Amino acid sequence: MCCTLELAARSKALGSSQTVLIADNIDKCALELLRQHGLETKIAAGASYEELLALVADADALVVRSRVPVTREMIAGARRLKVIARAGIGVDNIDLEAATERGIWVVNAPNSNAVAVAEHTIGLMLCLARRTPWAWESLRRGQWQREHFRGQQLHGKTLGIVGLGRIGSRVAERARCFGMKVIAHDPFVAPERASAVGATLVPLEELLRRADFISLHVPATPSTIGLLGVEELRLCKPTAFLINCARGAVVDEQALLEALDAGRLAGAALDVFSREPPLGSALVCHPLVIATPHIGGLTAEAQEDIALTVAQQILDVLGGRNPEHPVNAPALSPEERERLAPYTELARRMGLFYAGIAEEPTERLELGLLGEATGLRADVLEAAALEGLLSGSEVPVNLINARRMALARGISISHTLSPTAPSPYASALALSVSTPSGTHLLLGTTAHGQPYIVRIDDLQISFVPAGLLLYTEHIEQPGILGRMGTLLGEHGVNISFVQVGRQERGGPGIMILGVDDELSEALLGAIERMPSVRRARLLRLPPLRS
C-alpha cells in the first residue's frame, strides 16, 4: 500500500476549480490527498438521493460506496462529471452503460481488500474447525466443558475453493501453509494459474463431494445466484463446513438451513447474506452457524488502501491520465460506435455462447477479423469477445479491463486479419479458443443488424445467439429431432426454432433449439440420456436489444 506522500508525488496540482463530491464515508487519507492537489471536496455522506441529484450537477468527480444508486438520471444531470469512483469492488449500483455513453470513467479498487477477505475466510475456517465461538460462549456461562469442544486440525484436510480469483487464490496460498490440500472450481482460470497458487482444478460436483471445507469466492451474477442449492448441498460430506465471504445470493439460504437441520453439513460460517442486514434470518441464530456482519474487507489497512486507490485514480482522470482500475468501456466517437456496434455485439455473444458450451478451461483466445471486418478496431472486438467469455468472473468485465482480466487468468490473447471471408459472407469474425485437449472454433457474421453464429467447429449452422437456447451434441440418427420435440412437448416446453449441423449421416452432429420455457435439471438429464445424445446444455443469453 502506497503512503499518502508517495501517491502525492505521482500527481501534479490540479487547481481549485474542480470538485469531488463524496457521497459516502471514506477514509480521511483520501480527502487529504485530494485537497493537497487543490481539489475542492464536498462531503455529502448520508445525503438523500434527491439531494445528491442537485449536488452532482457541479461535480467533476463522484465517490460512492454501495449505498448510493448512480442512475442514468443522476449521470444525465451531472454536467461536469468525468469520473465515478466506487470505493470498493462491486459497481452494480452504477449505470455503466450510461456512464460510458457520456465518456465518464468508472473506477474501483478491486485489489484493496483481497488480503482482508482472505484472512477473514481463514479465520472463520479455524473457528469452525476448533469450535471457538461456542467454546467461548460456554465459558462465559461459567461452564468448563473441554470434552464438548474437541475440534479438528486443518492440516491434511481438503479445502474446496469455488472461484479462484484475486481473493480465492490468496485463500489457497494461505491454506497451503496449514498443510491443506486445495482443489478449486473456476471455469475462467487456466490450470497453470491454479497450479501456481497450489490448487488443482476440478468440476464443481467433484469439489463438493471431496472437500472438508468449502469456501465461496464468486460474484453474484445470473450464472452464480443460487449456485449452491438443494442438489448441490446434498453432494457434500455430512462432516463438511461451508464458508461464504462472497455474496449471500450465491447460496440458497433455505436449502442451507435445511441441510444444517438434517445433518447434511457440519456447520457454516457466513459473512454475507441475500438480504443485509439479515433481519429475522434463522441462519444467524442457528446453533451450527458462525455469522459476521459483512466485515470481511473491513480492516483499517484495507479501507485506507481503498480510499487512496480511488483518490489516486480521480487525480489521474482529472489530470488527463488513464486510471489504474477502469471498469467501463472507453469512450468512442459516434461514428466509431455506430460502425462497431453490430460486430461488438457479435463478438460478445460469441464469447457468451462459447462460455456456455465449454467443457474445459480456456488457455488461449484468438479473434480473426475476416473480409470487411479487417477495417474495424481489433482491440475493441477482442475485448468484447473476452467480455462475453469471462462474463461470470469475479470482477465485472468490460471493454477496458477484459484483456487484463484474461491475462491474470493465464489466458493469452491475439488477433489475425484476413482480407477474405468464407463465402458467402462479406465480413465475419472467427473465435478460436484453445483448451488443454484441443482448439474450438466459432464463426459469426451479421445480417440485417443481427448477430449470427454460422459455424461451430467443422459444422455449418445458422442462429442468433440470444434468449434460451438448448444446445446438444449427438450422433446423427433417423428420428432424433422428432424424439427431441416429443420429449420437450411432453414437459410443456415450446420450441421457437431448430437448427441442425452435421457433415454426414451417422456422424457427429449438433442441434440448437430456441425454447420459450425453462428446462428443469430433470429434463436436461432426460435429454442427455437419449440414446444418441452425448451432452446437452441450456444457455440463458440476453435478449437482443430493440
Protein backbone atom coordinates (compact mmCIF):
# COMPACT_ATOMS: atom_id res chain seq x y z
CA MET A 1 0.00 0.00 0.00
CA CYS A 2 1.38 3.40 -1.03
CA CYS A 3 1.59 6.05 1.61
CA THR A 4 -0.01 9.47 1.03
CA LEU A 5 3.30 11.18 0.29
CA GLU A 6 4.24 8.58 -2.32
CA LEU A 7 0.87 8.98 -4.02
CA ALA A 8 1.16 12.73 -3.86
CA ALA A 9 4.48 12.63 -5.65
CA ARG A 10 2.85 10.89 -8.61
CA SER A 11 0.33 13.71 -9.26
CA LYS A 12 0.52 17.33 -10.26
CA ALA A 13 -1.58 20.08 -8.74
CA LEU A 14 -4.95 20.28 -10.47
CA GLY A 15 -6.20 23.67 -9.39
CA SER A 16 -9.14 24.65 -7.22
CA SER A 17 -11.77 24.79 -9.97
CA GLN A 18 -12.56 21.08 -9.80
CA THR A 19 -14.85 19.50 -7.23
CA VAL A 20 -15.10 15.98 -5.82
CA LEU A 21 -18.46 15.02 -4.34
CA ILE A 22 -18.03 12.45 -1.54
CA ALA A 23 -21.42 10.72 -1.29
CA ASP A 24 -20.34 8.01 1.21
CA ASN A 25 -17.83 7.85 4.03
CA ILE A 26 -14.25 7.02 3.02
CA ASP A 27 -11.00 7.11 4.95
CA LYS A 28 -9.79 10.64 5.67
CA CYS A 29 -6.43 9.96 3.98
CA ALA A 30 -8.20 10.21 0.60
CA LEU A 31 -9.64 13.60 1.47
CA GLU A 32 -6.20 14.83 2.48
CA LEU A 33 -4.68 13.65 -0.78
CA LEU A 34 -7.36 15.27 -2.92
CA ARG A 35 -7.09 18.57 -1.04
CA GLN A 36 -3.30 18.55 -1.34
CA HIS A 37 -3.79 18.80 -5.09
CA GLY A 38 -6.13 21.73 -5.00
CA LEU A 39 -9.38 19.86 -5.37
CA GLU A 40 -12.46 21.00 -3.51
CA THR A 41 -14.18 18.18 -1.61
CA LYS A 42 -17.88 18.33 -0.81
CA ILE A 43 -18.87 15.83 1.88
CA ALA A 44 -22.42 14.54 1.40
CA ALA A 45 -22.30 11.23 3.27
CA GLY A 46 -25.84 10.37 4.31
CA ALA A 47 -27.48 12.75 1.83
CA SER A 48 -30.67 11.59 0.16
CA TYR A 49 -30.83 10.62 -3.50
CA GLU A 50 -32.73 13.84 -4.30
CA GLU A 51 -30.09 15.94 -2.53
CA LEU A 52 -27.32 14.18 -4.44
CA LEU A 53 -29.09 14.86 -7.75
CA ALA A 54 -28.67 18.57 -7.08
CA LEU A 55 -25.13 18.35 -5.73
CA VAL A 56 -23.70 16.20 -8.52
CA ALA A 57 -24.63 18.77 -11.17
CA ASP A 58 -21.47 20.76 -10.39
CA ALA A 59 -19.13 17.87 -9.53
CA ASP A 60 -16.15 16.76 -11.62
CA ALA A 61 -15.79 13.51 -9.67
CA LEU A 62 -18.17 11.43 -7.60
CA VAL A 63 -17.16 8.96 -4.87
CA VAL A 64 -19.69 6.33 -3.75
CA ARG A 65 -19.81 3.03 -1.96
CA SER A 66 -22.81 0.67 -2.26
CA ARG A 67 -25.44 2.93 -0.66
CA VAL A 68 -25.92 5.42 -3.49
CA PRO A 69 -27.53 4.36 -6.78
CA VAL A 70 -25.75 6.20 -9.60
CA THR A 71 -28.56 6.11 -12.12
CA ARG A 72 -28.94 7.28 -15.70
CA GLU A 73 -30.95 10.19 -14.30
CA MET A 74 -28.09 11.19 -11.99
CA ILE A 75 -25.49 10.84 -14.73
CA ALA A 76 -27.61 12.86 -17.19
CA GLY A 77 -27.76 15.74 -14.71
CA ALA A 78 -24.02 15.69 -13.95
CA ARG A 79 -22.85 18.28 -16.47
CA ARG A 80 -19.17 18.25 -15.50
CA LEU A 81 -18.72 14.70 -14.26
CA LYS A 82 -15.58 12.98 -15.59
CA VAL A 83 -15.13 10.07 -13.17
CA ILE A 84 -17.25 7.96 -10.83
CA ALA A 85 -15.13 6.24 -8.20
CA ARG A 86 -16.52 3.24 -6.34
CA ALA A 87 -14.74 2.91 -3.01
CA GLY A 88 -14.83 -0.88 -3.11
CA ILE A 89 -15.21 -3.66 -5.66
CA GLY A 90 -18.73 -4.03 -6.99
CA VAL A 91 -20.22 -1.49 -9.37
CA ASP A 92 -23.73 -2.93 -9.58
CA ASN A 93 -25.15 0.33 -8.19
CA ILE A 94 -23.69 2.33 -11.10
CA ASP A 95 -25.26 2.55 -14.57
CA LEU A 96 -22.13 1.62 -16.52
CA GLU A 97 -23.81 1.98 -19.92
CA ALA A 98 -24.99 5.49 -19.18
CA ALA A 99 -21.55 6.46 -17.88
CA THR A 100 -19.84 5.02 -20.95
CA GLU A 101 -22.19 6.82 -23.31
CA ARG A 102 -21.16 10.08 -21.65
CA GLY A 103 -17.47 9.23 -21.73
CA ILE A 104 -17.33 9.14 -17.92
CA TRP A 105 -14.71 6.86 -16.39
CA VAL A 106 -15.94 4.41 -13.77
CA VAL A 107 -13.16 3.19 -11.49
CA ASN A 108 -12.95 1.00 -8.40
CA ALA A 109 -10.46 -0.62 -6.03
CA PRO A 110 -10.56 -4.33 -6.96
CA ASN A 111 -7.47 -5.48 -5.09
CA SER A 112 -7.50 -3.38 -1.96
CA ASN A 113 -9.46 -5.70 0.34
CA ALA A 114 -8.35 -9.06 -1.09
CA VAL A 115 -5.96 -9.81 1.76
CA ALA A 116 -8.51 -8.75 4.39
CA VAL A 117 -11.24 -11.02 2.98
CA ALA A 118 -8.82 -13.92 2.57
CA GLU A 119 -7.67 -13.59 6.18
CA HIS A 120 -11.27 -13.39 7.42
CA THR A 121 -12.04 -16.56 5.47
CA ILE A 122 -9.15 -18.40 7.10
CA GLY A 123 -10.19 -17.06 10.50
CA LEU A 124 -13.74 -18.36 10.06
CA MET A 125 -12.37 -21.72 8.91
CA LEU A 126 -10.28 -22.01 12.06
CA CYS A 127 -13.26 -21.04 14.21
CA LEU A 128 -15.37 -23.77 12.61
CA ALA A 129 -12.64 -26.38 12.92
CA ARG A 130 -11.90 -25.60 16.59
CA ARG A 131 -15.47 -24.60 17.57
CA THR A 132 -14.02 -21.45 19.10
CA PRO A 133 -17.16 -19.25 19.33
CA TRP A 134 -19.15 -21.99 21.04
CA ALA A 135 -16.35 -22.72 23.49
CA TRP A 136 -16.08 -19.02 24.34
CA GLU A 137 -19.85 -18.73 24.88
CA SER A 138 -19.81 -21.81 27.10
CA LEU A 139 -17.03 -20.39 29.23
CA ARG A 140 -18.90 -17.07 29.55
CA ARG A 141 -21.79 -19.04 31.02
CA GLY A 142 -19.46 -20.34 33.74
CA GLN A 143 -19.03 -23.81 32.25
CA TRP A 144 -15.83 -25.79 31.81
CA GLN A 145 -16.69 -28.46 29.24
CA ARG A 146 -13.45 -29.17 27.44
CA GLU A 147 -14.54 -32.52 26.01
CA HIS A 148 -17.55 -30.90 24.34
CA PHE A 149 -15.27 -28.79 22.16
CA ARG A 150 -12.92 -31.30 20.66
CA GLY A 151 -12.10 -29.79 17.27
CA GLN A 152 -10.07 -30.83 14.26
CA GLN A 153 -6.90 -29.69 12.53
CA LEU A 154 -6.78 -28.03 9.13
CA HIS A 155 -3.61 -29.97 8.35
CA GLY A 156 -4.34 -32.77 5.91
CA LYS A 157 -7.89 -31.61 5.20
CA THR A 158 -9.16 -30.79 1.70
CA LEU A 159 -10.25 -27.23 1.00
CA GLY A 160 -12.53 -26.68 -1.99
CA ILE A 161 -12.44 -23.11 -3.32
CA VAL A 162 -15.22 -22.01 -5.67
CA GLY A 163 -13.79 -19.03 -7.54
CA LEU A 164 -10.02 -18.76 -7.83
CA GLY A 165 -9.73 -15.04 -8.50
CA ARG A 166 -7.85 -12.43 -6.53
CA ILE A 167 -9.40 -13.48 -3.16
CA GLY A 168 -9.75 -17.21 -3.80
CA SER A 169 -6.12 -17.50 -4.89
CA ARG A 170 -4.97 -15.77 -1.69
CA VAL A 171 -7.06 -18.17 0.38
CA ALA A 172 -5.44 -21.07 -1.49
CA GLU A 173 -1.94 -19.79 -0.73
CA ARG A 174 -2.70 -19.38 2.96
CA ALA A 175 -4.44 -22.75 3.23
CA ARG A 176 -1.37 -24.46 1.78
CA CYS A 177 0.63 -23.02 4.69
CA PHE A 178 -1.62 -25.00 7.03
CA GLY A 179 -0.83 -28.20 5.13
CA MET A 180 -4.24 -28.38 3.45
CA LYS A 181 -4.91 -29.99 0.08
CA VAL A 182 -6.53 -27.39 -2.18
CA ILE A 183 -8.92 -28.12 -5.01
CA ALA A 184 -10.78 -25.40 -6.89
CA HIS A 185 -13.52 -24.82 -9.42
CA ASP A 186 -13.28 -21.82 -11.72
CA PRO A 187 -14.06 -22.05 -15.47
CA PHE A 188 -12.24 -18.78 -16.08
CA VAL A 189 -8.84 -19.82 -14.72
CA ALA A 190 -6.23 -21.80 -16.66
CA PRO A 191 -4.74 -24.92 -14.99
CA GLU A 192 -1.29 -23.29 -14.91
CA ARG A 193 -2.65 -20.34 -12.94
CA ALA A 194 -4.33 -22.68 -10.44
CA SER A 195 -1.17 -24.71 -10.07
CA ALA A 196 0.82 -21.55 -9.34
CA VAL A 197 -1.23 -20.98 -6.16
CA GLY A 198 -1.17 -24.65 -5.16
CA ALA A 199 -4.65 -25.63 -6.33
CA THR A 200 -5.96 -28.33 -8.65
CA LEU A 201 -8.96 -27.51 -10.84
CA VAL A 202 -11.89 -29.95 -10.65
CA PRO A 203 -15.57 -29.89 -11.67
CA LEU A 204 -17.92 -28.36 -9.10
CA GLU A 205 -19.62 -31.67 -8.35
CA GLU A 206 -16.29 -33.34 -7.56
CA LEU A 207 -15.25 -30.42 -5.36
CA LEU A 208 -18.45 -30.65 -3.32
CA ARG A 209 -18.04 -34.42 -2.83
CA ARG A 210 -14.37 -34.26 -1.80
CA ALA A 211 -13.98 -31.07 0.24
CA ASP A 212 -13.85 -30.95 4.03
CA PHE A 213 -14.16 -27.16 3.87
CA ILE A 214 -15.90 -25.31 1.02
CA SER A 215 -15.13 -21.61 0.56
CA LEU A 216 -17.02 -19.40 -1.90
CA HIS A 217 -15.35 -16.53 -3.77
CA VAL A 218 -17.55 -15.74 -6.77
CA PRO A 219 -19.64 -12.66 -7.59
CA ALA A 220 -23.43 -12.64 -7.69
CA THR A 221 -24.23 -12.94 -11.39
CA PRO A 222 -27.12 -14.63 -13.22
CA SER A 223 -24.96 -17.75 -13.54
CA THR A 224 -23.91 -17.88 -9.86
CA ILE A 225 -27.07 -16.83 -8.00
CA GLY A 226 -28.25 -19.93 -6.17
CA LEU A 227 -25.09 -21.77 -7.24
CA LEU A 228 -25.31 -23.96 -4.14
CA GLY A 229 -28.87 -25.20 -3.82
CA VAL A 230 -30.60 -28.34 -2.60
CA GLU A 231 -28.99 -30.73 -5.05
CA GLU A 232 -25.50 -29.29 -4.71
CA LEU A 233 -25.59 -29.36 -0.89
CA ARG A 234 -26.66 -33.00 -0.99
CA LEU A 235 -23.35 -33.81 -2.65
CA CYS A 236 -21.38 -32.52 0.33
CA LYS A 237 -19.97 -34.68 3.10
CA PRO A 238 -22.03 -34.52 6.30
CA THR A 239 -18.76 -33.59 8.04
CA ALA A 240 -18.06 -30.67 5.67
CA PHE A 241 -18.15 -26.98 6.57
CA LEU A 242 -19.26 -24.11 4.28
CA ILE A 243 -17.71 -20.63 4.40
CA ASN A 244 -19.24 -17.76 2.41
CA CYS A 245 -17.41 -14.43 2.31
CA ALA A 246 -18.51 -13.69 -1.27
CA ARG A 247 -22.17 -12.76 -1.82
CA GLY A 248 -25.20 -14.07 0.05
CA ALA A 249 -27.19 -14.77 -3.11
CA VAL A 250 -24.68 -17.41 -4.22
CA VAL A 251 -26.18 -19.81 -1.66
CA ASP A 252 -29.81 -20.83 -1.44
CA GLU A 253 -30.23 -19.92 2.22
CA GLN A 254 -33.33 -22.05 2.75
CA ALA A 255 -31.54 -25.06 1.26
CA LEU A 256 -28.56 -24.37 3.56
CA LEU A 257 -30.83 -24.15 6.58
CA GLU A 258 -32.47 -27.47 5.70
CA ALA A 259 -29.07 -29.13 5.13
CA LEU A 260 -27.85 -27.99 8.56
CA ASP A 261 -31.06 -29.12 10.27
CA ALA A 262 -30.88 -32.51 8.54
CA GLY A 263 -27.22 -33.07 9.46
CA ARG A 264 -26.04 -32.98 5.85
CA LEU A 265 -23.47 -30.32 6.79
CA ALA A 266 -21.44 -29.98 9.96
CA GLY A 267 -21.63 -26.20 10.05
CA ALA A 268 -21.33 -22.92 8.17
CA ALA A 269 -19.64 -19.54 8.57
CA LEU A 270 -21.40 -16.66 6.82
CA ASP A 271 -20.20 -13.08 6.39
CA VAL A 272 -22.76 -12.22 3.70
CA PHE A 273 -26.49 -12.69 3.28
CA SER A 274 -29.03 -12.42 0.49
CA ARG A 275 -30.63 -9.55 2.41
CA GLU A 276 -28.50 -7.25 4.53
CA PRO A 277 -28.95 -6.70 7.37
CA PRO A 278 -30.36 -10.25 7.68
CA LEU A 279 -33.22 -9.30 9.99
CA GLY A 280 -35.11 -12.35 11.20
CA SER A 281 -32.80 -14.80 9.43
CA ALA A 282 -32.89 -18.23 11.05
CA LEU A 283 -29.33 -18.85 9.86
CA VAL A 284 -27.89 -16.07 12.02
CA CYS A 285 -29.13 -17.78 15.19
CA HIS A 286 -28.59 -21.37 14.07
CA PRO A 287 -26.50 -23.41 16.55
CA LEU A 288 -24.19 -24.62 13.75
CA VAL A 289 -23.58 -21.21 12.17
CA ILE A 290 -20.99 -18.52 12.78
CA ALA A 291 -22.31 -15.21 11.42
CA THR A 292 -20.49 -11.89 10.99
CA PRO A 293 -21.98 -8.63 9.60
CA HIS A 294 -20.23 -8.41 6.21
CA ILE A 295 -16.89 -7.39 7.70
CA GLY A 296 -14.59 -9.48 5.50
CA GLY A 297 -12.95 -6.45 3.90
CA LEU A 298 -13.40 -4.12 6.85
CA THR A 299 -9.89 -3.65 8.17
CA ALA A 300 -8.14 -0.36 8.77
CA GLU A 301 -5.48 -1.23 6.22
CA ALA A 302 -7.95 -2.28 3.53
CA GLN A 303 -10.15 0.79 3.97
CA GLU A 304 -7.15 3.11 3.79
CA ASP A 305 -5.88 1.33 0.70
CA ILE A 306 -9.32 1.53 -0.95
CA ALA A 307 -9.56 5.25 -0.22
CA LEU A 308 -6.07 6.02 -1.55
CA THR A 309 -6.62 3.87 -4.63
CA VAL A 310 -9.80 5.66 -5.69
CA ALA A 311 -8.38 9.08 -4.79
CA GLN A 312 -5.31 8.50 -6.94
CA GLN A 313 -7.49 7.44 -9.86
CA ILE A 314 -9.55 10.62 -9.52
CA LEU A 315 -6.31 12.58 -9.69
CA ASP A 316 -5.27 10.59 -12.76
CA VAL A 317 -8.51 11.16 -14.67
CA LEU A 318 -8.79 14.84 -13.78
CA GLY A 319 -5.13 15.19 -14.73
CA GLY A 320 -5.70 13.71 -18.18
CA ARG A 321 -4.18 10.28 -17.50
CA ASN A 322 -5.67 6.79 -17.69
CA PRO A 323 -6.70 5.41 -14.28
CA GLU A 324 -5.29 2.17 -12.94
CA HIS A 325 -8.56 0.27 -12.46
CA PRO A 326 -11.17 1.32 -15.03
CA VAL A 327 -14.28 -0.83 -15.17
CA ASN A 328 -16.19 0.56 -18.16
CA ALA A 329 -15.65 0.78 -21.90
CA PRO A 330 -13.60 3.56 -23.49
CA ALA A 331 -15.48 6.47 -24.99
CA LEU A 332 -15.83 6.13 -28.77
CA SER A 333 -16.85 8.73 -31.32
CA PRO A 334 -20.45 8.43 -32.55
CA GLU A 335 -19.16 7.25 -35.94
CA GLU A 336 -16.94 4.56 -34.40
CA ARG A 337 -19.70 3.43 -32.09
CA GLU A 338 -22.20 3.09 -34.94
CA ARG A 339 -19.82 1.11 -37.14
CA LEU A 340 -18.55 -1.15 -34.38
CA ALA A 341 -21.86 -1.76 -32.61
CA PRO A 342 -23.11 -4.84 -34.57
CA TYR A 343 -19.68 -6.50 -34.53
CA THR A 344 -19.06 -5.71 -30.86
CA GLU A 345 -22.41 -7.34 -30.07
CA LEU A 346 -21.49 -10.32 -32.27
CA ALA A 347 -18.09 -10.79 -30.60
CA ARG A 348 -19.60 -10.52 -27.11
CA ARG A 349 -22.33 -13.03 -27.88
CA MET A 350 -19.86 -15.45 -29.47
CA GLY A 351 -17.88 -15.32 -26.23
CA LEU A 352 -21.04 -15.79 -24.15
CA PHE A 353 -22.14 -18.75 -26.27
CA TYR A 354 -18.77 -20.46 -26.11
CA ALA A 355 -18.61 -19.98 -22.33
CA GLY A 356 -21.99 -21.72 -22.10
CA ILE A 357 -20.90 -24.84 -24.00
CA ALA A 358 -17.24 -25.03 -22.91
CA GLU A 359 -16.08 -28.22 -21.23
CA GLU A 360 -12.51 -27.18 -20.36
CA PRO A 361 -10.65 -24.06 -19.21
CA THR A 362 -9.56 -21.57 -21.85
CA GLU A 363 -5.81 -21.27 -22.42
CA ARG A 364 -5.75 -19.05 -25.49
CA LEU A 365 -8.17 -16.89 -27.44
CA GLU A 366 -7.56 -15.75 -30.99
CA LEU A 367 -10.00 -13.49 -32.80
CA GLY A 368 -9.93 -13.46 -36.59
CA LEU A 369 -11.25 -10.42 -38.46
CA LEU A 370 -12.24 -11.55 -41.94
CA GLY A 371 -13.18 -9.62 -45.07
CA GLU A 372 -14.62 -6.16 -44.47
CA ALA A 373 -14.24 -6.65 -40.71
CA THR A 374 -10.48 -6.12 -41.06
CA GLY A 375 -11.13 -2.37 -41.06
CA LEU A 376 -12.59 -2.45 -37.56
CA ARG A 377 -10.79 -1.89 -34.25
CA ALA A 378 -9.44 -5.30 -33.33
CA ASP A 379 -8.72 -4.31 -29.73
CA VAL A 380 -12.35 -3.41 -29.09
CA LEU A 381 -13.62 -6.63 -30.69
CA GLU A 382 -11.09 -8.73 -28.75
CA ALA A 383 -12.24 -7.11 -25.54
CA ALA A 384 -15.89 -7.68 -26.46
CA ALA A 385 -15.26 -11.40 -27.07
CA LEU A 386 -13.44 -11.63 -23.74
CA GLU A 387 -16.24 -9.74 -22.02
CA GLY A 388 -18.61 -12.50 -23.11
CA LEU A 389 -16.21 -15.34 -22.39
CA LEU A 390 -15.45 -14.08 -18.87
CA SER A 391 -18.94 -12.77 -18.08
CA GLY A 392 -19.23 -14.84 -14.88
CA SER A 393 -15.87 -13.88 -13.43
CA GLU A 394 -15.31 -12.29 -10.05
CA VAL A 395 -14.84 -8.66 -11.15
CA PRO A 396 -17.16 -7.11 -13.78
CA VAL A 397 -15.52 -7.46 -17.23
CA ASN A 398 -15.87 -4.84 -19.95
CA LEU A 399 -14.10 -3.37 -22.97
CA ILE A 400 -11.39 -1.75 -20.86
CA ASN A 401 -10.43 -4.42 -18.35
CA ALA A 402 -11.18 -7.58 -20.34
CA ARG A 403 -7.61 -8.10 -21.56
CA ARG A 404 -6.15 -7.56 -18.09
CA MET A 405 -8.66 -9.99 -16.59
CA ALA A 406 -7.84 -12.64 -19.19
CA LEU A 407 -4.09 -12.31 -18.76
CA ALA A 408 -4.48 -12.53 -14.98
CA ARG A 409 -6.16 -15.89 -15.51
CA GLY A 410 -3.38 -17.19 -17.73
CA ILE A 411 -5.33 -16.74 -21.00
CA SER A 412 -3.23 -15.44 -23.89
CA ILE A 413 -4.94 -13.24 -26.49
CA SER A 414 -4.23 -12.41 -30.10
CA HIS A 415 -5.97 -11.48 -33.33
CA THR A 416 -5.45 -12.07 -37.04
CA LEU A 417 -6.59 -10.21 -40.15
CA SER A 418 -7.67 -11.85 -43.40
CA PRO A 419 -8.79 -9.83 -46.44
CA THR A 420 -11.26 -12.53 -47.48
CA ALA A 421 -14.18 -14.03 -45.58
CA PRO A 422 -15.61 -17.51 -46.18
CA SER A 423 -18.25 -17.49 -48.92
CA PRO A 424 -20.97 -16.23 -48.95
CA TYR A 425 -20.08 -13.66 -46.24
CA ALA A 426 -18.58 -10.25 -46.96
CA SER A 427 -17.32 -9.98 -43.38
CA ALA A 428 -17.04 -12.33 -40.43
CA LEU A 429 -15.42 -12.92 -37.05
CA ALA A 430 -13.70 -16.19 -36.15
CA LEU A 431 -13.33 -17.00 -32.47
CA SER A 432 -10.67 -19.67 -31.90
CA VAL A 433 -10.37 -21.00 -28.35
CA SER A 434 -7.54 -23.30 -27.28
CA THR A 435 -8.07 -25.68 -24.36
CA PRO A 436 -5.87 -28.39 -22.80
CA SER A 437 -7.22 -31.02 -25.23
CA GLY A 438 -7.69 -29.04 -28.43
CA THR A 439 -8.97 -25.98 -30.24
CA HIS A 440 -12.59 -24.98 -30.86
CA LEU A 441 -13.88 -22.53 -33.45
CA LEU A 442 -16.92 -20.31 -33.78
CA LEU A 443 -17.58 -18.34 -36.96
CA GLY A 444 -20.00 -15.42 -36.81
CA THR A 445 -21.36 -12.69 -39.04
CA THR A 446 -24.04 -10.00 -39.03
CA ALA A 447 -27.16 -9.76 -41.18
CA HIS A 448 -29.95 -7.19 -41.01
CA GLY A 449 -28.31 -5.74 -37.92
CA GLN A 450 -28.42 -9.04 -36.02
CA PRO A 451 -25.54 -11.31 -34.91
CA TYR A 452 -25.43 -14.86 -36.27
CA ILE A 453 -23.20 -17.83 -35.42
CA VAL A 454 -22.79 -19.77 -38.65
CA ARG A 455 -20.24 -22.43 -37.75
CA ILE A 456 -19.28 -24.44 -34.68
CA ASP A 457 -16.01 -26.31 -35.17
CA ASP A 458 -16.45 -28.13 -38.52
CA LEU A 459 -20.24 -27.98 -38.57
CA GLN A 460 -22.24 -25.39 -40.51
CA ILE A 461 -25.24 -23.87 -38.74
CA SER A 462 -27.02 -20.51 -38.54
CA PHE A 463 -28.73 -18.99 -35.49
CA VAL A 464 -28.95 -15.81 -33.46
CA PRO A 465 -27.22 -16.30 -30.08
CA ALA A 466 -29.93 -14.78 -27.89
CA GLY A 467 -32.52 -15.95 -25.38
CA LEU A 468 -32.98 -19.50 -24.10
CA LEU A 469 -31.04 -21.96 -26.25
CA LEU A 470 -30.81 -25.73 -25.89
CA TYR A 471 -27.50 -27.00 -27.29
CA THR A 472 -26.92 -30.71 -27.83
CA GLU A 473 -24.15 -32.86 -29.28
CA HIS A 474 -25.27 -36.18 -30.75
CA ILE A 475 -24.70 -38.89 -33.32
CA GLU A 476 -26.89 -38.40 -36.37
CA GLN A 477 -29.71 -40.95 -36.37
CA PRO A 478 -33.15 -41.01 -38.03
CA GLY A 479 -35.84 -39.64 -35.73
CA ILE A 480 -33.64 -37.78 -33.25
CA LEU A 481 -35.28 -34.44 -34.00
CA GLY A 482 -38.75 -35.95 -33.59
CA ARG A 483 -37.85 -37.62 -30.29
CA MET A 484 -36.39 -34.37 -29.02
CA GLY A 485 -39.54 -32.44 -29.94
CA THR A 486 -41.76 -35.06 -28.34
CA LEU A 487 -39.79 -35.06 -25.09
CA LEU A 488 -39.84 -31.27 -24.82
CA GLY A 489 -43.53 -31.17 -25.69
CA GLU A 490 -44.38 -33.69 -23.00
CA HIS A 491 -42.76 -31.34 -20.48
CA GLY A 492 -44.60 -28.26 -21.77
CA VAL A 493 -41.53 -26.68 -23.41
CA ASN A 494 -42.29 -24.73 -26.58
CA ILE A 495 -39.70 -24.67 -29.41
CA SER A 496 -39.26 -21.42 -31.35
CA PHE A 497 -36.69 -22.67 -33.88
CA VAL A 498 -34.39 -25.60 -34.62
CA GLN A 499 -31.02 -25.64 -36.36
CA VAL A 500 -29.02 -28.82 -37.01
CA GLY A 501 -25.39 -29.08 -38.08
CA ARG A 502 -23.78 -32.24 -39.41
CA GLN A 503 -21.29 -33.49 -42.00
CA GLU A 504 -22.65 -36.91 -42.82
CA ARG A 505 -25.33 -39.38 -41.86
CA GLY A 506 -24.31 -41.40 -38.82
CA GLY A 507 -21.59 -38.93 -37.89
CA PRO A 508 -21.35 -36.34 -35.10
CA GLY A 509 -23.88 -33.53 -35.13
CA ILE A 510 -25.12 -30.60 -33.11
CA MET A 511 -28.58 -29.19 -32.55
CA ILE A 512 -29.60 -25.69 -31.45
CA LEU A 513 -33.17 -25.24 -30.29
CA GLY A 514 -34.65 -21.92 -29.29
CA VAL A 515 -37.05 -22.58 -26.42
CA ASP A 516 -39.64 -20.36 -24.78
CA ASP A 517 -39.62 -22.13 -21.42
CA GLU A 518 -37.05 -23.06 -18.79
CA LEU A 519 -35.84 -26.66 -18.65
CA SER A 520 -35.59 -28.42 -15.31
CA GLU A 521 -32.46 -30.31 -14.31
CA ALA A 522 -34.51 -33.49 -14.58
CA LEU A 523 -35.48 -32.71 -18.17
CA LEU A 524 -31.89 -31.88 -19.11
CA GLY A 525 -30.85 -35.19 -17.61
CA ALA A 526 -33.50 -36.99 -19.64
CA ILE A 527 -32.22 -35.32 -22.81
CA GLU A 528 -28.66 -36.39 -22.08
CA ARG A 529 -29.88 -39.95 -21.57
CA MET A 530 -31.36 -40.10 -25.05
CA PRO A 531 -29.56 -42.92 -26.94
CA SER A 532 -27.64 -40.74 -29.42
CA VAL A 533 -27.07 -37.61 -27.31
CA ARG A 534 -23.59 -37.07 -25.88
CA ARG A 535 -24.33 -33.93 -23.84
CA ALA A 536 -26.84 -31.10 -23.52
CA ARG A 537 -26.57 -27.54 -22.23
CA LEU A 538 -29.21 -24.87 -21.62
CA LEU A 539 -27.86 -21.39 -22.33
CA ARG A 540 -29.52 -18.27 -20.98
CA LEU A 541 -28.28 -15.46 -23.23
CA PRO A 542 -29.50 -11.85 -23.02
CA PRO A 543 -32.28 -10.92 -25.45
CA LEU A 544 -31.37 -8.71 -28.36
CA ARG A 545 -31.75 -5.02 -27.73
CA SER A 546 -34.69 -3.48 -29.54
